[in-house]
């Protein structure tokens, strides 16, 4: 009777730790790239945070969708 409760608790704990997987990957990659730079290079070109990255990515997706709609030919039959 204890095993289902324990396994469910462990699964929930594991999934809670993975809730923001993409942010963890982004931050880890950012830190790895920052470690190769000199202090003056880090001061000159700061890497954006994950939130800024997501906002910029959302804007680019919207722009691409709008451009795609404009460039696609209209094949509607009347």
C-alpha atoms as a PDB file:
ATOM      1  CA  UNK A   1       0.000   0.000   0.000  1.00  0.00           C
ATOM      2  CA  UNK A   2       2.926   2.347   0.568  1.00  0.00           C
ATOM      3  CA  UNK A   3       4.622   1.699  -2.795  1.00  0.00           C
ATOM      4  CA  UNK A   4       2.019   3.360  -5.050  1.00  0.00           C
ATOM      5  CA  UNK A   5       2.004   6.454  -2.852  1.00  0.00           C
ATOM      6  CA  UNK A   6       5.781   6.580  -2.693  1.00  0.00           C
ATOM      7  CA  UNK A   7       6.225   6.052  -6.435  1.00  0.00           C
ATOM      8  CA  UNK A   8       3.606   8.689  -7.235  1.00  0.00           C
ATOM      9  CA  UNK A   9       5.338  11.153  -4.925  1.00  0.00           C
ATOM     10  CA  UNK A  10       8.715  10.491  -6.527  1.00  0.00           C
ATOM     11  CA  UNK A  11       7.306  10.884 -10.033  1.00  0.00           C
ATOM     12  CA  UNK A  12       5.660  14.197  -9.085  1.00  0.00           C
ATOM     13  CA  UNK A  13       8.905  15.417  -7.536  1.00  0.00           C
ATOM     14  CA  UNK A  14      10.860  14.456 -10.653  1.00  0.00           C
ATOM     15  CA  UNK A  15       8.390  16.183 -12.978  1.00  0.00           C
ATOM     16  CA  UNK A  16       8.395  19.324 -10.830  1.00  0.00           C
ATOM     17  CA  UNK A  17      12.178  19.495 -11.211  1.00  0.00           C
ATOM     18  CA  UNK A  18      11.869  19.256 -14.992  1.00  0.00           C
ATOM     19  CA  UNK A  19       9.133  21.862 -15.301  1.00  0.00           C
ATOM     20  CA  UNK A  20      11.345  24.419 -17.001  1.00  0.00           C
ATOM     21  CA  UNK A  21      13.701  22.201 -18.946  1.00  0.00           C
ATOM     22  CA  UNK A  22      14.241  24.599 -21.837  1.00  0.00           C
ATOM     23  CA  UNK A  23      15.257  27.429 -19.534  1.00  0.00           C
ATOM     24  CA  UNK A  24      17.797  25.140 -17.864  1.00  0.00           C
ATOM     25  CA  UNK A  25      19.251  24.145 -21.210  1.00  0.00           C
ATOM     26  CA  UNK A  26      19.438  27.799 -22.325  1.00  0.00           C
ATOM     27  CA  UNK A  27      21.081  28.955 -19.105  1.00  0.00           C
ATOM     28  CA  UNK A  28      23.572  26.085 -19.140  1.00  0.00           C
ATOM     29  CA  UNK A  29      24.541  26.793 -22.733  1.00  0.00           C
ATOM     30  CA  UNK A  30      24.840  30.511 -21.965  1.00  0.00           C
ATOM     31  CA  UNK A  31      27.132  29.836 -19.002  1.00  0.00           C
ATOM     32  CA  UNK A  32      29.247  27.467 -21.074  1.00  0.00           C
ATOM     33  CA  UNK A  33      29.723  30.083 -23.787  1.00  0.00           C
ATOM     34  CA  UNK A  34      30.416  32.810 -21.231  1.00  0.00           C
ATOM     35  CA  UNK A  35      33.217  30.741 -19.700  1.00  0.00           C
ATOM     36  CA  UNK A  36      35.234  31.007 -22.921  1.00  0.00           C
ATOM     37  CA  UNK A  37      35.076  34.809 -23.021  1.00  0.00           C
ATOM     38  CA  UNK A  38      37.512  37.195 -21.397  1.00  0.00           C
ATOM     39  CA  UNK A  39      36.146  39.662 -18.806  1.00  0.00           C
ATOM     40  CA  UNK A  40      36.298  42.538 -21.281  1.00  0.00           C
ATOM     41  CA  UNK A  41      34.347  40.519 -23.879  1.00  0.00           C
ATOM     42  CA  UNK A  42      31.695  39.703 -21.265  1.00  0.00           C
ATOM     43  CA  UNK A  43      31.318  43.398 -20.432  1.00  0.00           C
ATOM     44  CA  UNK A  44      30.986  44.391 -24.097  1.00  0.00           C
ATOM     45  CA  UNK A  45      28.454  41.767 -25.220  1.00  0.00           C
ATOM     46  CA  UNK A  46      26.161  40.561 -22.436  1.00  0.00           C
ATOM     47  CA  UNK A  47      24.017  37.534 -23.255  1.00  0.00           C
ATOM     48  CA  UNK A  48      20.264  38.131 -22.850  1.00  0.00           C
ATOM     49  CA  UNK A  49      18.299  36.377 -20.138  1.00  0.00           C
ATOM     50  CA  UNK A  50      15.900  33.552 -20.959  1.00  0.00           C
ATOM     51  CA  UNK A  51      12.884  35.863 -20.608  1.00  0.00           C
ATOM     52  CA  UNK A  52      14.324  38.323 -23.130  1.00  0.00           C
ATOM     53  CA  UNK A  53      15.158  35.435 -25.435  1.00  0.00           C
ATOM     54  CA  UNK A  54      11.559  34.150 -25.254  1.00  0.00           C
ATOM     55  CA  UNK A  55      10.125  37.635 -26.015  1.00  0.00           C
ATOM     56  CA  UNK A  56      12.416  38.095 -29.028  1.00  0.00           C
ATOM     57  CA  UNK A  57      11.613  34.603 -30.253  1.00  0.00           C
ATOM     58  CA  UNK A  58       7.879  35.288 -29.965  1.00  0.00           C
ATOM     59  CA  UNK A  59       8.223  38.505 -31.972  1.00  0.00           C
ATOM     60  CA  UNK A  60      10.176  36.709 -34.690  1.00  0.00           C
ATOM     61  CA  UNK A  61       7.535  33.977 -34.880  1.00  0.00           C
ATOM     62  CA  UNK A  62       4.773  36.556 -35.260  1.00  0.00           C
ATOM     63  CA  UNK A  63       6.711  38.419 -37.949  1.00  0.00           C
ATOM     64  CA  UNK A  64       7.405  35.194 -39.820  1.00  0.00           C
ATOM     65  CA  UNK A  65       3.741  34.180 -39.681  1.00  0.00           C
ATOM     66  CA  UNK A  66       2.634  37.580 -40.975  1.00  0.00           C
ATOM     67  CA  UNK A  67       5.210  37.479 -43.772  1.00  0.00           C
ATOM     68  CA  UNK A  68       4.227  33.944 -44.701  1.00  0.00           C
ATOM     69  CA  UNK A  69       0.582  34.969 -45.050  1.00  0.00           C
ATOM     70  CA  UNK A  70       1.476  37.944 -47.251  1.00  0.00           C
ATOM     71  CA  UNK A  71       3.803  35.991 -49.525  1.00  0.00           C
ATOM     72  CA  UNK A  72       1.591  32.964 -50.051  1.00  0.00           C
ATOM     73  CA  UNK A  73      -0.517  33.023 -53.208  1.00  0.00           C
ATOM     74  CA  UNK A  74      -4.279  33.065 -52.922  1.00  0.00           C
ATOM     75  CA  UNK A  75      -5.726  29.979 -54.597  1.00  0.00           C
ATOM     76  CA  UNK A  76      -9.325  30.497 -53.562  1.00  0.00           C
ATOM     77  CA  UNK A  77     -11.878  29.365 -56.086  1.00  0.00           C
ATOM     78  CA  UNK A  78     -14.851  31.649 -56.511  1.00  0.00           C
END
